[in-house]
Amino acid sequence: MCAKSGQITPQGAYNIETMFKPILGNRGVVAACGTCMESRGITKELLIEGVAKGTWDELADWTLWCDKTVNL
């Protein structure tokens, strides 16, 4: 749900779309859990522009490749 576009956040809350834009603008990669998306009826069109629908295989590869992870 974090990567859903057009969210209206209350005063003082973090807006994930605003936080992701610099990452995506600097050739970073953000993926949403495809299983979670399907179970909640979230389509690619509802995601923040540039966020991909990810897979468990991608998550495993990225986790093994990187030295740090961020989980939102």
N, C-alpha and C. Protein backbone atom coordinates (compact mmCIF):
# COMPACT_ATOMS: atom_id res chain seq x y z
N MET A 1 0.83 -1.20 0.00
CA MET A 1 0.00 0.00 0.00
C MET A 1 0.87 1.26 0.00
N CYS A 2 2.11 1.13 0.45
CA CYS A 2 2.99 2.30 0.53
C CYS A 2 3.24 2.93 -0.83
N ALA A 3 3.34 2.13 -1.87
CA ALA A 3 3.70 2.65 -3.19
C ALA A 3 2.49 3.07 -4.02
N LYS A 4 1.30 3.14 -3.41
CA LYS A 4 0.11 3.57 -4.13
C LYS A 4 0.21 5.08 -4.38
N SER A 5 -0.03 5.48 -5.61
CA SER A 5 0.07 6.89 -5.97
C SER A 5 -1.12 7.69 -5.44
N GLY A 6 -0.94 9.00 -5.33
CA GLY A 6 -2.02 9.91 -4.99
C GLY A 6 -2.51 9.86 -3.56
N GLN A 7 -1.71 9.35 -2.63
CA GLN A 7 -2.14 9.29 -1.25
C GLN A 7 -2.12 10.69 -0.62
N ILE A 8 -3.07 10.93 0.23
CA ILE A 8 -3.15 12.20 0.97
C ILE A 8 -2.76 11.89 2.40
N THR A 9 -1.64 12.43 2.82
CA THR A 9 -1.13 12.13 4.15
C THR A 9 -1.44 13.28 5.11
N PRO A 10 -1.71 12.97 6.37
CA PRO A 10 -1.99 14.01 7.35
C PRO A 10 -0.74 14.84 7.65
N GLN A 11 -0.94 16.02 8.17
CA GLN A 11 0.15 16.92 8.53
C GLN A 11 1.15 16.18 9.42
N GLY A 12 2.43 16.25 9.05
CA GLY A 12 3.47 15.62 9.85
C GLY A 12 3.77 14.18 9.48
N ALA A 13 2.93 13.57 8.65
CA ALA A 13 3.17 12.19 8.23
C ALA A 13 4.04 12.18 6.98
N TYR A 14 4.76 11.10 6.78
CA TYR A 14 5.61 10.97 5.60
C TYR A 14 4.78 10.63 4.38
N ASN A 15 5.10 11.27 3.27
CA ASN A 15 4.47 10.95 1.99
C ASN A 15 5.46 10.10 1.20
N ILE A 16 5.16 8.83 1.06
CA ILE A 16 6.08 7.89 0.43
C ILE A 16 6.34 8.27 -1.03
N GLU A 17 5.33 8.77 -1.72
CA GLU A 17 5.52 9.16 -3.12
C GLU A 17 6.59 10.24 -3.22
N THR A 18 6.56 11.23 -2.34
CA THR A 18 7.57 12.30 -2.31
C THR A 18 8.94 11.72 -1.99
N MET A 19 8.99 10.76 -1.09
CA MET A 19 10.26 10.16 -0.69
C MET A 19 10.86 9.29 -1.81
N PHE A 20 10.02 8.63 -2.60
CA PHE A 20 10.51 7.75 -3.65
C PHE A 20 11.01 8.51 -4.88
N LYS A 21 10.50 9.71 -5.14
CA LYS A 21 10.85 10.42 -6.38
C LYS A 21 12.35 10.63 -6.54
N PRO A 22 13.11 11.06 -5.51
CA PRO A 22 14.56 11.19 -5.71
C PRO A 22 15.25 9.86 -6.00
N ILE A 23 14.76 8.79 -5.39
CA ILE A 23 15.34 7.46 -5.63
C ILE A 23 15.11 7.07 -7.09
N LEU A 24 13.88 7.20 -7.53
CA LEU A 24 13.53 6.82 -8.89
C LEU A 24 14.18 7.73 -9.91
N GLY A 25 14.36 9.02 -9.56
CA GLY A 25 14.98 9.98 -10.46
C GLY A 25 16.48 9.78 -10.61
N ASN A 26 17.08 9.05 -9.69
CA ASN A 26 18.52 8.78 -9.74
C ASN A 26 18.80 7.34 -10.15
N ARG A 27 17.96 6.79 -10.98
CA ARG A 27 18.08 5.44 -11.52
C ARG A 27 17.98 4.36 -10.45
N GLY A 28 17.40 4.70 -9.31
CA GLY A 28 17.15 3.70 -8.29
C GLY A 28 15.97 2.83 -8.69
N VAL A 29 15.83 1.73 -8.00
CA VAL A 29 14.76 0.79 -8.31
C VAL A 29 13.91 0.57 -7.07
N VAL A 30 12.59 0.69 -7.25
CA VAL A 30 11.64 0.40 -6.17
C VAL A 30 10.63 -0.59 -6.73
N ALA A 31 10.39 -1.66 -5.98
CA ALA A 31 9.42 -2.66 -6.41
C ALA A 31 8.44 -2.93 -5.27
N ALA A 32 7.20 -3.12 -5.63
CA ALA A 32 6.16 -3.50 -4.67
C ALA A 32 5.97 -5.01 -4.75
N CYS A 33 5.62 -5.60 -3.66
CA CYS A 33 5.40 -7.05 -3.61
C CYS A 33 4.21 -7.41 -4.51
N GLY A 34 4.48 -8.22 -5.55
CA GLY A 34 3.43 -8.61 -6.48
C GLY A 34 2.33 -9.42 -5.81
N THR A 35 2.70 -10.29 -4.89
CA THR A 35 1.71 -11.10 -4.17
C THR A 35 0.80 -10.20 -3.34
N CYS A 36 1.39 -9.23 -2.64
CA CYS A 36 0.59 -8.29 -1.84
C CYS A 36 -0.31 -7.45 -2.72
N MET A 37 0.21 -7.01 -3.87
CA MET A 37 -0.59 -6.21 -4.80
C MET A 37 -1.82 -7.00 -5.25
N GLU A 38 -1.61 -8.23 -5.68
CA GLU A 38 -2.72 -9.04 -6.18
C GLU A 38 -3.76 -9.31 -5.10
N SER A 39 -3.31 -9.59 -3.88
CA SER A 39 -4.27 -9.91 -2.82
C SER A 39 -5.08 -8.69 -2.39
N ARG A 40 -4.58 -7.50 -2.68
CA ARG A 40 -5.29 -6.26 -2.31
C ARG A 40 -5.93 -5.55 -3.51
N GLY A 41 -5.87 -6.17 -4.68
CA GLY A 41 -6.48 -5.59 -5.87
C GLY A 41 -5.78 -4.35 -6.38
N ILE A 42 -4.47 -4.25 -6.13
CA ILE A 42 -3.71 -3.09 -6.59
C ILE A 42 -3.08 -3.44 -7.93
N THR A 43 -3.37 -2.64 -8.93
CA THR A 43 -2.81 -2.85 -10.26
C THR A 43 -1.60 -1.94 -10.45
N LYS A 44 -0.81 -2.23 -11.48
CA LYS A 44 0.37 -1.43 -11.80
C LYS A 44 -0.01 0.04 -11.99
N GLU A 45 -1.20 0.28 -12.54
CA GLU A 45 -1.65 1.65 -12.81
C GLU A 45 -1.87 2.45 -11.52
N LEU A 46 -2.07 1.78 -10.40
CA LEU A 46 -2.29 2.47 -9.13
C LEU A 46 -0.99 2.80 -8.39
N LEU A 47 0.13 2.28 -8.89
CA LEU A 47 1.41 2.51 -8.23
C LEU A 47 1.99 3.86 -8.61
N ILE A 48 2.90 4.34 -7.78
CA ILE A 48 3.66 5.54 -8.08
C ILE A 48 4.40 5.31 -9.39
N GLU A 49 4.45 6.31 -10.24
CA GLU A 49 5.13 6.18 -11.52
C GLU A 49 6.58 5.76 -11.29
N GLY A 50 6.99 4.69 -11.96
CA GLY A 50 8.35 4.20 -11.84
C GLY A 50 8.52 3.02 -10.90
N VAL A 51 7.51 2.77 -10.06
CA VAL A 51 7.57 1.62 -9.15
C VAL A 51 7.12 0.37 -9.92
N ALA A 52 7.89 -0.69 -9.79
CA ALA A 52 7.60 -1.93 -10.52
C ALA A 52 6.86 -2.92 -9.63
N LYS A 53 6.16 -3.84 -10.27
CA LYS A 53 5.56 -4.97 -9.56
C LYS A 53 6.65 -6.02 -9.42
N GLY A 54 7.05 -6.28 -8.18
CA GLY A 54 8.17 -7.18 -7.94
C GLY A 54 7.76 -8.63 -7.76
N THR A 55 8.78 -9.47 -7.69
CA THR A 55 8.59 -10.90 -7.48
C THR A 55 9.43 -11.35 -6.29
N TRP A 56 9.14 -12.54 -5.77
CA TRP A 56 9.92 -13.10 -4.67
C TRP A 56 11.35 -13.38 -5.14
N ASP A 57 11.52 -13.80 -6.38
CA ASP A 57 12.86 -14.06 -6.90
C ASP A 57 13.71 -12.79 -6.93
N GLU A 58 13.10 -11.67 -7.35
CA GLU A 58 13.81 -10.39 -7.35
C GLU A 58 14.20 -9.99 -5.93
N LEU A 59 13.28 -10.14 -5.00
CA LEU A 59 13.57 -9.80 -3.60
C LEU A 59 14.75 -10.62 -3.07
N ALA A 60 14.75 -11.90 -3.35
CA ALA A 60 15.84 -12.76 -2.90
C ALA A 60 17.17 -12.33 -3.54
N ASP A 61 17.16 -12.07 -4.84
CA ASP A 61 18.38 -11.63 -5.53
C ASP A 61 18.90 -10.32 -4.97
N TRP A 62 18.01 -9.35 -4.77
CA TRP A 62 18.42 -8.03 -4.26
C TRP A 62 18.94 -8.13 -2.83
N THR A 63 18.30 -8.97 -2.02
CA THR A 63 18.72 -9.12 -0.62
C THR A 63 20.12 -9.73 -0.56
N LEU A 64 20.39 -10.72 -1.39
CA LEU A 64 21.72 -11.33 -1.43
C LEU A 64 22.77 -10.37 -1.98
N TRP A 65 22.39 -9.54 -2.92
CA TRP A 65 23.31 -8.62 -3.59
C TRP A 65 23.70 -7.44 -2.72
N CYS A 66 22.76 -6.90 -1.94
CA CYS A 66 23.00 -5.64 -1.24
C CYS A 66 23.60 -5.85 0.15
N ASP A 67 24.10 -4.73 0.70
CA ASP A 67 24.62 -4.79 2.07
C ASP A 67 23.65 -4.19 3.08
N LYS A 68 22.61 -3.51 2.59
CA LYS A 68 21.59 -2.92 3.46
C LYS A 68 20.23 -3.04 2.78
N THR A 69 19.18 -3.18 3.58
CA THR A 69 17.83 -3.20 3.03
C THR A 69 16.96 -2.20 3.79
N VAL A 70 15.93 -1.71 3.10
CA VAL A 70 14.95 -0.82 3.72
C VAL A 70 13.59 -1.46 3.51
N ASN A 71 12.81 -1.59 4.55
CA ASN A 71 11.50 -2.20 4.47
C ASN A 71 10.48 -1.20 4.96
N LEU A 72 9.59 -0.78 4.06
CA LEU A 72 8.56 0.20 4.43
C LEU A 72 7.23 -0.48 4.58
